[in-house]
Protein backbone atom coordinates (compact mmCIF):
# COMPACT_ATOMS: atom_id res chain seq x y z
CA MET A 1 29.93 -10.63 -95.34
CA VAL A 2 31.48 -7.17 -96.02
CA HIS A 3 30.53 -4.37 -93.55
CA LYS A 4 30.01 -0.89 -94.75
CA PRO A 5 32.12 1.67 -92.86
CA PHE A 6 30.18 3.86 -90.36
CA LYS A 7 29.58 7.43 -91.37
CA PRO A 8 31.09 10.20 -89.12
CA SER A 9 27.59 11.15 -87.95
CA GLN A 10 26.83 7.56 -86.88
CA ILE A 11 30.18 7.33 -85.06
CA ALA A 12 29.37 10.58 -83.08
CA LEU A 13 25.93 9.31 -82.14
CA ILE A 14 27.32 5.98 -80.95
CA ALA A 15 29.92 7.79 -78.78
CA VAL A 16 27.29 10.12 -77.28
CA SER A 17 25.08 7.18 -76.49
CA ALA A 18 27.90 5.30 -74.76
CA VAL A 19 28.81 8.30 -72.62
CA ALA A 20 25.14 8.65 -71.67
CA VAL A 21 24.96 4.98 -70.61
CA ILE A 22 28.07 5.40 -68.52
CA ILE A 23 26.85 8.55 -66.82
CA VAL A 24 23.42 6.94 -66.07
CA GLY A 25 25.22 3.95 -64.53
CA ILE A 26 27.38 6.17 -62.38
CA VAL A 27 24.40 8.21 -61.14
CA ILE A 28 22.42 5.00 -60.19
CA ALA A 29 25.44 3.62 -58.41
CA LEU A 30 25.80 6.84 -56.38
CA LEU A 31 22.12 6.85 -55.48
CA LEU A 32 22.25 3.24 -54.32
CA THR A 33 25.36 3.95 -52.21
CA GLY A 34 23.75 7.06 -50.69
CA GLN A 35 20.66 5.14 -49.64
CA GLN A 36 22.89 2.61 -47.78
CA GLN A 37 24.74 5.25 -45.98
CA SER A 38 21.99 7.84 -45.26
CA PRO A 39 20.80 7.55 -41.63
CA THR A 40 17.50 9.01 -42.58
CA ASN A 41 16.54 5.79 -44.34
CA GLN A 42 17.49 3.51 -41.47
CA PRO A 43 14.92 2.36 -39.03
CA GLU A 44 14.77 4.50 -35.85
CA GLN A 45 16.84 2.90 -33.02
CA PRO A 46 15.58 2.66 -29.47
CA ALA A 47 17.25 4.84 -26.76
CA THR A 48 20.24 3.11 -25.29
CA SER A 49 20.30 4.95 -21.96
CA GLU A 50 19.99 2.91 -18.80
CA PRO A 51 16.45 2.80 -17.26
CA THR A 52 16.12 4.72 -13.98
CA GLU A 53 14.11 3.78 -10.95
CA PRO A 54 11.05 6.07 -10.46
CA SER A 55 11.68 8.45 -7.72
CA SER A 56 9.10 9.41 -5.09
CA ALA A 57 7.71 12.92 -5.17
CA LYS A 58 8.42 13.18 -1.39
CA GLN A 59 11.50 11.85 0.29
CA PRO A 60 10.85 9.35 3.05
CA ILE A 61 11.26 10.53 6.65
CA ASP A 62 13.07 8.35 9.14
CA LEU A 63 10.77 7.88 12.13
CA GLN A 64 12.99 5.53 14.07
CA PHE A 65 14.18 8.11 16.51
CA ALA A 66 10.60 9.11 17.33
CA VAL A 67 9.83 5.43 18.20
CA ASP A 68 13.19 4.86 20.09
CA GLN A 69 12.61 7.96 22.15
CA TRP A 70 9.19 6.60 23.11
CA THR A 71 10.07 3.05 23.89
CA SER A 72 12.85 4.17 26.17
CA ILE A 73 10.45 5.78 28.66
CA ILE A 74 7.30 3.57 28.54
CA SER A 75 6.29 1.55 31.62
CA GLY A 76 5.78 -1.85 29.86
CA THR A 77 6.53 -3.67 26.59
CA ALA A 78 5.67 -2.51 23.07
CA GLY A 79 6.11 -3.62 19.46
CA VAL A 80 5.83 -1.00 16.82
CA MET A 81 5.82 -0.88 12.96
CA ILE A 82 5.54 2.22 10.89
CA TYR A 83 5.27 1.87 7.15
CA ASP A 84 5.48 4.79 4.58
CA LEU A 85 2.60 3.92 2.12
CA ASP A 86 3.87 6.55 -0.46
CA ASN A 87 7.46 5.29 -0.64
CA LYS A 88 6.53 1.68 0.20
CA ILE A 89 9.19 1.27 2.91
CA VAL A 90 9.24 0.68 6.72
CA VAL A 91 10.45 3.78 8.44
CA ALA A 92 10.50 2.57 12.03
CA ARG A 93 10.33 -0.68 13.92
CA HIS A 94 10.67 -2.05 17.42
CA ASN A 95 10.07 -5.63 18.67
CA GLU A 96 8.21 -6.20 15.39
CA ASN A 97 8.29 -10.00 15.62
CA GLU A 98 7.26 -10.29 19.26
CA SER A 99 4.04 -12.26 19.84
CA PHE A 100 1.06 -10.48 21.45
CA ASN A 101 -2.46 -11.41 22.41
CA ILE A 102 -4.07 -9.01 19.84
CA ALA A 103 -7.45 -8.68 21.65
CA SER A 104 -10.04 -7.08 19.43
CA LEU A 105 -7.65 -6.53 16.46
CA TYR A 106 -8.80 -10.03 15.42
CA LYS A 107 -11.96 -8.25 14.10
CA LEU A 108 -9.94 -6.72 11.34
CA PHE A 109 -9.27 -10.22 9.98
CA VAL A 110 -12.97 -11.10 10.17
CA MET A 111 -14.02 -7.71 8.62
CA LEU A 112 -11.81 -7.99 5.53
CA GLU A 113 -12.96 -11.55 4.74
CA GLY A 114 -16.62 -10.54 5.38
CA TYR A 115 -16.45 -7.74 2.85
CA LEU A 116 -14.76 -10.03 0.32
CA ARG A 117 -17.48 -12.60 0.65
CA ILE A 118 -20.13 -9.96 -0.07
CA ALA A 119 -18.18 -8.61 -3.06
CA ARG A 120 -17.80 -12.23 -4.42
CA GLY A 121 -21.54 -12.71 -4.06
CA GLN A 122 -21.29 -15.46 -1.35
CA TRP A 123 -23.13 -13.29 1.15
CA SER A 124 -25.88 -10.73 0.95
CA SER A 125 -25.11 -7.28 2.44
CA ASP A 126 -28.72 -6.27 3.27
CA GLU A 127 -30.09 -9.53 4.80
CA PRO A 128 -31.14 -9.36 8.45
CA TYR A 129 -28.18 -10.62 10.46
CA LEU A 130 -28.22 -9.80 14.12
CA GLY A 131 -31.33 -8.29 15.71
CA ASN A 132 -32.22 -5.26 13.59
CA TRP A 133 -28.79 -5.11 12.02
CA THR A 134 -27.95 -6.20 8.54
CA ARG A 135 -24.70 -7.96 7.73
CA LEU A 136 -23.26 -4.72 6.37
CA LYS A 137 -24.22 -2.92 9.63
CA CYS A 138 -22.52 -5.54 11.66
CA LEU A 139 -19.35 -5.15 9.51
CA ASN A 140 -19.37 -1.51 10.40
CA LEU A 141 -20.09 -2.01 14.14
CA MET A 142 -17.35 -4.63 14.69
CA ILE A 143 -14.81 -1.90 13.74
CA SER A 144 -16.38 1.39 14.71
CA GLU A 145 -17.66 0.14 18.11
CA SER A 146 -15.66 -3.05 18.38
CA ASN A 147 -18.95 -4.90 18.62
CA SER A 148 -18.15 -8.44 19.73
CA PRO A 149 -21.49 -10.21 19.03
CA CYS A 150 -21.31 -9.19 15.40
CA ALA A 151 -17.71 -10.20 15.01
CA GLU A 152 -18.13 -13.49 16.82
CA LYS A 153 -21.17 -14.58 14.77
CA MET A 154 -19.40 -13.88 11.48
CA TRP A 155 -16.19 -15.44 12.64
CA GLY A 156 -18.10 -18.63 13.63
CA GLU A 157 -19.95 -18.46 10.25
CA ILE A 158 -16.64 -18.39 8.34
CA GLY A 159 -15.12 -20.97 10.62
CA LYS A 160 -12.21 -20.26 12.91
CA ALA A 161 -9.85 -22.88 11.47
CA GLU A 162 -10.90 -21.87 7.95
CA LEU A 163 -10.11 -18.23 8.65
CA ASP A 164 -6.62 -19.16 9.77
CA GLU A 165 -6.22 -21.11 6.48
CA ILE A 166 -7.47 -18.19 4.44
CA TYR A 167 -4.82 -15.90 5.83
CA ARG A 168 -2.17 -18.62 5.68
CA ALA A 169 -2.82 -18.72 1.90
CA LYS A 170 -2.35 -14.90 1.80
CA GLY A 171 1.18 -15.31 3.15
CA PHE A 172 0.68 -15.00 6.84
CA GLY A 173 3.07 -17.12 8.98
CA THR A 174 2.47 -19.26 12.05
CA ALA A 175 3.05 -16.12 14.16
CA THR A 176 -0.50 -15.20 13.34
CA ASN A 177 -3.07 -17.58 14.80
CA ILE A 178 -6.44 -15.96 14.73
CA SER A 179 -8.00 -18.82 16.58
CA SER A 180 -5.86 -18.19 19.56
CA ILE A 181 -5.88 -14.38 18.98
CA THR A 182 -2.16 -13.97 18.63
CA SER A 183 0.02 -12.17 16.13
CA THR A 184 2.94 -9.78 15.80
CA PRO A 185 3.32 -6.11 14.81
CA ALA A 186 4.91 -7.21 11.52
CA GLU A 187 1.94 -9.44 10.71
CA ILE A 188 -0.72 -6.84 11.67
CA LEU A 189 1.21 -4.46 9.36
CA LYS A 190 0.77 -7.02 6.58
CA LEU A 191 -2.96 -7.19 7.33
CA MET A 192 -3.23 -3.36 7.22
CA GLN A 193 -1.43 -3.41 3.84
CA LEU A 194 -4.04 -5.86 2.49
CA ILE A 195 -6.84 -3.64 3.74
CA TRP A 196 -5.24 -0.65 2.17
CA GLN A 197 -4.91 -2.24 -1.14
CA HIS A 198 -8.53 -3.59 -0.84
CA ALA A 199 -8.16 -5.89 -3.88
CA GLY A 200 -11.45 -7.40 -4.80
CA LEU A 201 -13.47 -4.61 -3.17
CA ASN A 202 -15.21 -1.74 -4.93
CA GLU A 203 -14.92 1.90 -3.90
CA GLU A 204 -18.26 1.72 -1.97
CA TYR A 205 -16.91 -1.03 0.37
CA TRP A 206 -13.50 0.64 0.67
CA SER A 207 -15.26 3.89 1.65
CA ALA A 208 -17.34 2.01 4.18
CA ILE A 209 -14.23 0.47 5.77
CA ARG A 210 -12.56 3.89 6.03
CA ASP A 211 -15.68 5.38 7.67
CA SER A 212 -15.66 2.57 10.28
CA LEU A 213 -12.07 3.18 11.07
CA LEU A 214 -12.54 6.97 11.29
CA ILE A 215 -16.06 7.66 12.67
CA GLN A 216 -16.18 6.11 16.07
CA PRO A 217 -18.45 7.06 19.02
CA THR A 218 -17.13 8.04 22.39
CA THR A 219 -20.29 7.71 24.37
CA THR A 220 -19.81 4.26 26.01
CA HIS A 221 -16.00 3.91 25.44
CA ASN A 222 -13.47 6.22 24.01
CA TRP A 223 -12.15 3.99 21.14
CA ARG A 224 -9.71 6.82 20.16
CA GLN A 225 -8.04 7.57 23.48
CA GLY A 226 -4.76 6.04 22.49
CA LEU A 227 -2.87 6.65 19.18
CA PRO A 228 -5.52 8.85 17.49
CA SER A 229 -5.45 11.29 20.41
CA GLY A 230 -1.82 12.00 19.72
CA PHE A 231 -2.39 13.69 16.38
CA SER A 232 -3.80 17.08 15.58
CA ASN A 233 -2.67 17.49 11.98
CA ALA A 234 -3.65 14.06 10.67
CA LYS A 235 -6.62 11.88 10.05
CA VAL A 236 -6.26 8.60 11.92
CA TYR A 237 -8.32 5.66 10.59
CA ASN A 238 -7.93 3.33 13.58
CA LYS A 239 -8.95 0.01 15.19
CA VAL A 240 -8.21 -0.48 18.86
CA GLY A 241 -7.84 -3.61 20.91
CA TRP A 242 -7.48 -3.67 24.63
CA TYR A 243 -7.92 -5.72 27.85
CA SER A 244 -8.22 -4.31 31.41
CA ALA A 245 -9.43 -6.25 34.33
CA ASP A 246 -10.52 -3.19 36.21
CA GLY A 247 -10.73 -0.39 33.66
CA ARG A 248 -7.81 1.35 35.11
CA LYS A 249 -4.71 -0.82 34.60
CA TRP A 250 -4.19 -1.98 31.04
CA SER A 251 -2.85 -5.45 30.47
CA LEU A 252 -3.12 -4.92 26.74
CA TYR A 253 -3.59 -1.80 24.55
CA HIS A 254 -3.15 -1.86 20.79
CA ASP A 255 -3.77 0.44 17.91
CA ALA A 256 -3.67 -0.33 14.15
CA ALA A 257 -4.11 2.73 12.05
CA PHE A 258 -3.82 4.44 8.69
CA VAL A 259 -2.43 7.92 9.42
CA GLU A 260 -2.98 10.47 6.63
CA PHE A 261 -1.54 14.06 6.68
CA PRO A 262 -3.83 15.81 4.13
CA ASP A 263 -1.86 19.08 3.92
CA LEU A 264 1.41 17.11 3.32
CA ASP A 265 0.05 14.39 1.17
CA ARG A 266 1.75 11.68 3.26
CA HIS A 267 0.25 8.41 4.37
CA TYR A 268 1.43 5.83 6.89
CA ILE A 269 0.43 2.61 8.54
CA VAL A 270 1.14 2.71 12.28
CA VAL A 271 0.86 -0.47 14.35
CA VAL A 272 1.54 -0.44 18.08
CA LEU A 273 0.94 -3.51 20.33
CA THR A 274 1.59 -3.12 24.04
CA LYS A 275 1.58 -4.97 27.39
CA ASN A 276 1.18 -3.01 30.57
CA VAL A 277 1.24 0.34 28.74
CA SER A 278 -1.58 2.88 29.24
CA PRO A 279 -3.38 4.62 26.34
CA ASN A 280 -2.05 7.92 27.67
CA GLU A 281 1.49 6.74 27.03
CA ILE A 282 0.44 5.73 23.44
CA VAL A 283 -0.86 9.31 22.93
CA ARG A 284 2.76 10.39 23.42
CA LEU A 285 3.93 8.09 20.60
CA GLY A 286 1.41 9.74 18.24
CA ARG A 287 2.76 13.16 19.24
CA ASN A 288 6.30 12.02 18.53
CA ILE A 289 5.41 10.65 15.15
CA GLU A 290 3.47 13.75 14.15
CA ALA A 291 6.28 16.12 15.18
CA ALA A 292 8.86 14.12 13.29
CA VAL A 293 6.72 14.17 10.09
CA LEU A 294 6.13 17.86 10.31
CA VAL A 295 9.73 18.62 10.88
CA GLY A 296 10.94 16.19 8.17
CA SER A 297 8.45 17.71 5.66
CA GLY A 298 9.59 21.27 6.42
CA ALA A 299 6.22 22.27 7.76
CA GLN A 300 7.50 22.89 11.22
CA GLU A 301 10.90 23.91 12.65
CA ARG A 302 12.77 21.53 14.93
């Protein structure tokens, strides 16, 4: 077949078309390359900085000196634990693993399990329980007035061996034997932490527990003559346990308390178990702790 030669106008059109195709190809290639290199089209990368531990709004205050100063002058034996609830650390300790007869502090174990059984629907709060008192009233009285008939009836209802097993399952060691009324400052601290956390209890019951620990009569006995009397700038939510053969010499005197400084927004657990130490001496411990907290917070000069 014989091909006719292209006309000059056709040749020019072909050349222009070829150049246009080349230019379009170059532009497409550049666009594709730009998309691969442009960081704006890449998925956002997570931050690579190392995570930091959350810091407390308030620095912890070391209260060990306040405790050491006190234990050096007391007449008998003491075990002490102080826990900073805001920073979640122990800030003072002394003989924390020594075993004590805990006297009426056993009622704290009974009280917590009692509220939990009501919250779980196992018990009724308003049923007549002891005389004219309801079960809920008895839970209050065994703490606010250390009422033994209420506590002993409920303890027997739970079962003494069963109560030991309940707290064993919560992580308490053999140093705590509620049946024989023995424990250590470290284990009572653990109990106070459980009460503070009040898992399984609504705010109504938690408020009732706090009231029982804070609002305590002084008509028949002064339940607050020990640790609470040492504080003037704090609220002390306290349970006492004591034994005295004659009402003058104290074989045992214990306090387990939540100590709140409202103006400083600081919260502590203080546990002090003693043998042959008077409540007046424990008042001095409260004063030592309060002074150290005020100084450490900058609220009072040394």
